[in-house]
Amino acid sequence: MRFKNVIKITTAFLLIIFITDSISLAKYQVSAKAVIFSNSTKVKRYYGKNVHKRVSPASTVKVMTALLVMEHLSLNKTIRISKNATYPEPSKIFLKNGEKFKVKDLLYSILLKSANDASVALAEAVSGSEAKFVKLMNKRAKQLGTKYTRFRNSNGLPSKKGSQYTTPYDMYLIFRQAMKYPFFRKAITMKYKTIYSKSGRKIVLKSHNKILFKNWKSSIFGKTGWTKKAQQCFVGYIPKGRSKDVCIIALFGATNRWEDIKYIVEKYGKIDL
């Protein structure tokens, strides 16, 4: 009799937990202004909210910067830092005029640390100037099928030249292309990376992607972004189950970025985090 009572109490307790979690999920309101969550392997959209709405991209711009660098430069090429590249505001790795770095180390800097100065240095290495690089960014974006994207600089900082914008769907297209590069896929999985200038200056990079430091069952790998105007942004991917389908989420204008991502991926992607 005692054993049966224990079973009944345990069952009731588990039922209460299940009902409570279900109510919590049902009541949750996505804070992001615009989101897309799609299985890019099967080309199936799981969730969308204002997927073609123009939004400020903040540092998710660096996905396009990284893509162009990978398309145009050798990862082992050494580049010299210009005085102009030292000017951007943080986040940065405080590059010094005349320093030399390998391209791959500056790519780690923009993808993990979101270094604005490293973005400018890479842009200059590709096109000679950031202004010319921005023209290349916009041209390449159109080639990828984007319709509502306009870049003004290589790092996503507010620009005096005008507003820059994208949409969740457009950033999905750009991120999907970047995912074709093994270097990119590996870099965004890293929590930490130590890089060195050619003269030996040591810089320890820590990823801005806080999901990597959470105790979730599965990680979501990607690029963060934030400015006062853009609010919290993120574009990233998560493998789905044994099929290894690649699911991409692009989220903009959030106030509860990580909670939004967890809710959307679990509820609509049926992926347990």
Protein backbone atom coordinates (compact mmCIF):
# COMPACT_ATOMS: atom_id res chain seq x y z
CA MET A 1 0.00 0.00 0.00
CA ARG A 2 2.80 2.39 0.90
CA PHE A 3 4.54 1.66 -2.42
CA LYS A 4 1.35 2.46 -4.37
CA ASN A 5 0.98 5.75 -2.51
CA VAL A 6 4.56 6.69 -3.38
CA ILE A 7 3.87 6.01 -7.05
CA LYS A 8 0.70 8.11 -6.95
CA ILE A 9 2.49 11.02 -5.28
CA THR A 10 5.42 10.84 -7.71
CA THR A 11 3.08 10.71 -10.71
CA ALA A 12 1.10 13.68 -9.43
CA PHE A 13 4.31 15.65 -8.86
CA LEU A 14 5.59 14.96 -12.38
CA LEU A 15 2.20 15.91 -13.82
CA ILE A 16 2.29 19.24 -11.99
CA ILE A 17 5.77 19.95 -13.39
CA PHE A 18 4.63 19.08 -16.92
CA ILE A 19 1.53 21.28 -16.69
CA THR A 20 3.53 24.16 -15.20
CA ASP A 21 6.15 23.97 -17.99
CA SER A 22 3.43 23.79 -20.64
CA ILE A 23 1.67 26.86 -19.25
CA SER A 24 5.01 28.70 -19.09
CA LEU A 25 5.74 27.93 -22.75
CA ALA A 26 2.23 28.89 -23.80
CA LYS A 27 2.47 32.27 -22.08
CA TYR A 28 5.96 33.19 -23.32
CA GLN A 29 6.06 36.17 -25.67
CA VAL A 30 8.99 36.48 -28.08
CA SER A 31 10.68 39.82 -27.41
CA ALA A 32 12.47 40.05 -30.76
CA LYS A 33 11.03 42.36 -33.40
CA ALA A 34 11.94 40.02 -36.24
CA VAL A 35 12.99 36.37 -36.41
CA ILE A 36 13.43 33.48 -38.79
CA PHE A 37 14.14 29.88 -37.80
CA SER A 38 14.54 27.44 -40.66
CA ASN A 39 15.92 24.04 -41.52
CA SER A 40 18.32 25.08 -44.26
CA THR A 41 19.05 21.47 -45.20
CA LYS A 42 15.41 20.69 -46.02
CA VAL A 43 14.53 24.32 -46.83
CA LYS A 44 11.71 24.23 -44.28
CA ARG A 45 10.73 27.19 -42.13
CA TYR A 46 9.82 26.37 -38.55
CA TYR A 47 9.06 29.86 -37.30
CA GLY A 48 8.88 33.37 -38.68
CA LYS A 49 8.08 36.81 -37.34
CA ASN A 50 8.49 39.81 -39.65
CA VAL A 51 11.04 37.86 -41.69
CA HIS A 52 11.27 40.62 -44.34
CA LYS A 53 11.19 43.54 -41.91
CA ARG A 54 14.14 45.94 -42.13
CA VAL A 55 16.15 45.85 -38.93
CA SER A 56 19.47 47.18 -37.70
CA PRO A 57 22.00 44.31 -37.89
CA ALA A 58 24.64 45.52 -35.40
CA SER A 59 27.63 43.14 -35.36
CA THR A 60 25.91 40.38 -37.32
CA VAL A 61 27.30 42.48 -40.21
CA LYS A 62 30.59 40.74 -39.46
CA VAL A 63 29.21 37.52 -40.96
CA MET A 64 29.29 39.22 -44.36
CA THR A 65 32.73 40.66 -43.61
CA ALA A 66 34.02 37.20 -42.74
CA LEU A 67 32.44 35.70 -45.85
CA LEU A 68 34.16 38.16 -48.18
CA VAL A 69 37.50 37.72 -46.42
CA MET A 70 37.27 33.94 -46.82
CA GLU A 71 36.36 34.36 -50.47
CA HIS A 72 39.21 36.75 -51.28
CA LEU A 73 42.16 36.14 -48.95
CA SER A 74 44.33 33.25 -47.85
CA LEU A 75 43.82 32.49 -44.17
CA ASN A 76 47.59 32.41 -43.66
CA LYS A 77 48.24 35.73 -45.39
CA THR A 78 49.90 38.31 -43.12
CA ILE A 79 48.50 41.82 -43.20
CA ARG A 80 49.78 45.10 -41.77
CA ILE A 81 47.50 47.19 -39.58
CA SER A 82 46.85 50.75 -40.72
CA LYS A 83 46.38 53.74 -38.43
CA ASN A 84 42.80 54.00 -39.67
CA ALA A 85 42.04 50.49 -38.44
CA THR A 86 42.92 51.47 -34.86
CA TYR A 87 40.17 54.10 -34.60
CA PRO A 88 36.88 52.15 -34.21
CA GLU A 89 35.16 52.06 -30.84
CA PRO A 90 34.96 48.86 -28.75
CA SER A 91 34.44 46.00 -28.83
CA LYS A 92 38.02 45.76 -30.13
CA ILE A 93 41.37 44.07 -29.63
CA PHE A 94 43.21 47.41 -29.60
CA LEU A 95 45.22 46.94 -32.74
CA LYS A 96 48.33 49.08 -33.11
CA ASN A 97 49.46 50.94 -36.18
CA GLY A 98 52.06 48.85 -38.03
CA GLU A 99 51.31 45.57 -36.26
CA LYS A 100 51.07 42.45 -38.39
CA PHE A 101 48.59 39.59 -38.03
CA LYS A 102 47.53 36.56 -40.00
CA VAL A 103 44.14 36.86 -41.65
CA LYS A 104 42.77 33.87 -39.76
CA ASP A 105 43.63 35.44 -36.40
CA LEU A 106 41.77 38.63 -37.26
CA LEU A 107 38.83 36.49 -38.38
CA TYR A 108 38.81 34.79 -34.99
CA SER A 109 38.82 38.29 -33.50
CA ILE A 110 35.67 39.41 -35.31
CA LEU A 111 33.78 36.14 -34.91
CA LEU A 112 34.50 35.58 -31.21
CA LYS A 113 35.40 38.96 -29.72
CA SER A 114 33.44 40.95 -32.31
CA ALA A 115 36.45 43.23 -32.73
CA ASN A 116 35.47 46.33 -34.69
CA ASP A 117 39.07 47.34 -35.37
CA ALA A 118 39.88 43.91 -36.80
CA SER A 119 36.90 44.23 -39.15
CA VAL A 120 38.31 47.43 -40.62
CA ALA A 121 41.77 45.89 -40.97
CA LEU A 122 40.34 42.94 -42.87
CA ALA A 123 38.20 45.17 -45.06
CA GLU A 124 41.26 47.19 -46.04
CA ALA A 125 43.20 44.01 -46.76
CA VAL A 126 40.54 42.86 -49.21
CA SER A 127 39.69 46.09 -50.98
CA GLY A 128 42.31 48.68 -50.08
CA SER A 129 39.82 50.79 -48.11
CA GLU A 130 36.74 50.15 -46.03
CA ALA A 131 34.65 52.30 -48.38
CA LYS A 132 35.50 50.07 -51.34
CA PHE A 133 34.90 46.98 -49.21
CA VAL A 134 31.39 48.17 -48.33
CA LYS A 135 30.57 48.40 -52.04
CA LEU A 136 31.73 44.81 -52.37
CA MET A 137 29.57 43.82 -49.39
CA ASN A 138 26.44 45.25 -50.96
CA LYS A 139 27.21 43.74 -54.35
CA ARG A 140 27.79 40.29 -52.85
CA ALA A 141 24.65 40.54 -50.75
CA LYS A 142 22.56 41.06 -53.88
CA GLN A 143 24.27 38.11 -55.55
CA LEU A 144 23.16 35.95 -52.63
CA GLY A 145 19.55 36.93 -53.19
CA THR A 146 19.06 39.57 -50.50
CA LYS A 147 16.49 42.26 -51.28
CA TYR A 148 16.37 44.50 -48.24
CA THR A 149 19.98 44.76 -47.07
CA ARG A 150 22.27 47.78 -47.09
CA PHE A 151 25.67 47.88 -45.44
CA ARG A 152 27.49 51.07 -44.46
CA ASN A 153 30.61 49.66 -42.81
CA SER A 154 32.38 46.38 -42.08
CA ASN A 155 31.57 46.06 -38.38
CA GLY A 156 27.97 47.11 -37.78
CA LEU A 157 28.67 50.21 -35.70
CA PRO A 158 26.30 53.17 -36.23
CA SER A 159 27.38 55.07 -39.34
CA LYS A 160 27.31 58.78 -40.11
CA LYS A 161 26.83 57.84 -43.77
CA GLY A 162 23.30 56.62 -43.11
CA SER A 163 21.49 53.71 -41.60
CA GLN A 164 22.38 50.15 -42.47
CA TYR A 165 19.79 47.44 -42.41
CA THR A 166 19.00 43.85 -43.21
CA THR A 167 16.13 41.41 -42.61
CA PRO A 168 16.06 38.04 -40.85
CA TYR A 169 15.65 36.30 -44.20
CA ASP A 170 18.47 38.22 -45.84
CA MET A 171 20.85 37.47 -42.95
CA TYR A 172 19.79 33.83 -43.14
CA LEU A 173 20.97 33.78 -46.77
CA ILE A 174 24.30 35.39 -45.90
CA PHE A 175 24.94 33.11 -42.93
CA ARG A 176 24.03 30.03 -44.98
CA GLN A 177 26.71 30.96 -47.52
CA ALA A 178 29.33 31.54 -44.81
CA MET A 179 28.53 28.10 -43.42
CA LYS A 180 30.02 26.55 -46.55
CA TYR A 181 33.49 27.38 -45.19
CA PRO A 182 34.94 24.89 -42.67
CA PHE A 183 36.95 27.67 -41.00
CA PHE A 184 33.80 29.64 -40.28
CA ARG A 185 31.91 26.64 -38.94
CA LYS A 186 34.78 25.79 -36.60
CA ALA A 187 35.49 29.34 -35.43
CA ILE A 188 31.96 30.01 -34.20
CA THR A 189 32.05 26.89 -32.01
CA MET A 190 34.99 28.18 -29.97
CA LYS A 191 34.61 29.58 -26.46
CA TYR A 192 38.17 30.91 -26.34
CA LYS A 193 41.01 31.42 -28.77
CA THR A 194 44.49 32.84 -28.19
CA ILE A 195 46.08 34.73 -31.06
CA TYR A 196 49.44 36.44 -31.50
CA SER A 197 50.71 39.31 -33.58
CA LYS A 198 53.82 38.62 -35.68
CA SER A 199 55.86 40.38 -32.99
CA GLY A 200 54.44 38.08 -30.31
CA ARG A 201 51.75 40.20 -28.65
CA LYS A 202 49.30 37.78 -27.04
CA ILE A 203 45.55 38.36 -27.20
CA VAL A 204 43.02 36.06 -25.54
CA LEU A 205 39.63 36.08 -27.22
CA LYS A 206 36.41 35.07 -25.48
CA SER A 207 33.24 34.42 -27.47
CA HIS A 208 30.34 36.83 -27.02
CA ASN A 209 27.96 33.92 -27.63
CA LYS A 210 26.78 33.19 -24.08
CA ILE A 211 24.98 30.04 -25.19
CA LEU A 212 28.38 28.35 -25.31
CA PHE A 213 28.73 28.95 -21.58
CA LYS A 214 25.24 27.85 -20.60
CA ASN A 215 24.45 24.37 -19.39
CA TRP A 216 22.19 23.58 -22.33
CA LYS A 217 21.93 20.07 -23.78
CA SER A 218 22.85 21.42 -27.20
CA SER A 219 24.73 24.54 -28.22
CA ILE A 220 23.81 27.04 -30.91
CA PHE A 221 26.80 28.44 -32.75
CA GLY A 222 26.77 31.89 -34.25
CA LYS A 223 27.41 35.62 -34.14
CA THR A 224 25.95 38.12 -31.70
CA GLY A 225 25.23 41.79 -32.17
CA TRP A 226 24.14 44.77 -30.09
CA THR A 227 23.79 48.50 -30.39
CA LYS A 228 21.35 50.78 -28.63
CA LYS A 229 19.29 51.05 -31.81
CA ALA A 230 19.52 47.43 -32.90
CA GLN A 231 19.12 45.98 -29.39
CA GLN A 232 20.07 42.31 -29.05
CA CYS A 233 20.74 40.36 -32.24
CA PHE A 234 21.95 36.88 -33.13
CA VAL A 235 22.41 34.67 -36.16
CA GLY A 236 23.51 31.09 -35.73
CA TYR A 237 22.88 27.43 -36.34
CA ILE A 238 22.16 24.21 -34.51
CA PRO A 239 22.42 20.66 -35.90
CA LYS A 240 19.11 18.81 -35.59
CA GLY A 241 19.20 15.26 -34.29
CA ARG A 242 20.88 12.33 -35.96
CA SER A 243 19.98 13.63 -39.40
CA LYS A 244 22.51 16.44 -38.85
CA ASP A 245 20.18 18.87 -40.60
CA VAL A 246 21.41 22.43 -40.20
CA CYS A 247 18.85 24.77 -38.63
CA ILE A 248 19.56 28.49 -38.81
CA ILE A 249 18.06 31.17 -36.60
CA ALA A 250 18.36 34.92 -37.22
CA LEU A 251 16.91 37.17 -34.54
CA PHE A 252 16.87 40.97 -34.26
CA GLY A 253 15.64 43.69 -31.92
CA ALA A 254 15.32 41.48 -28.86
CA THR A 255 15.34 42.34 -25.17
CA ASN A 256 15.54 38.70 -24.06
CA ARG A 257 17.74 37.20 -26.76
CA TRP A 258 18.73 33.91 -25.14
CA GLU A 259 15.25 33.19 -23.75
CA ASP A 260 13.75 33.91 -27.19
CA ILE A 261 16.17 31.53 -28.89
CA LYS A 262 15.56 28.73 -26.40
CA TYR A 263 11.80 29.08 -26.65
CA ILE A 264 11.70 29.18 -30.46
CA VAL A 265 14.14 26.31 -30.98
CA GLU A 266 12.41 24.05 -28.46
CA LYS A 267 8.79 24.86 -29.33
CA TYR A 268 9.01 25.09 -33.11
CA GLY A 269 12.14 23.09 -33.91
CA LYS A 270 11.35 20.34 -31.41
CA ILE A 271 14.98 20.41 -30.30
CA ASP A 272 15.55 19.83 -26.59
CA LEU A 273 17.91 22.42 -25.16
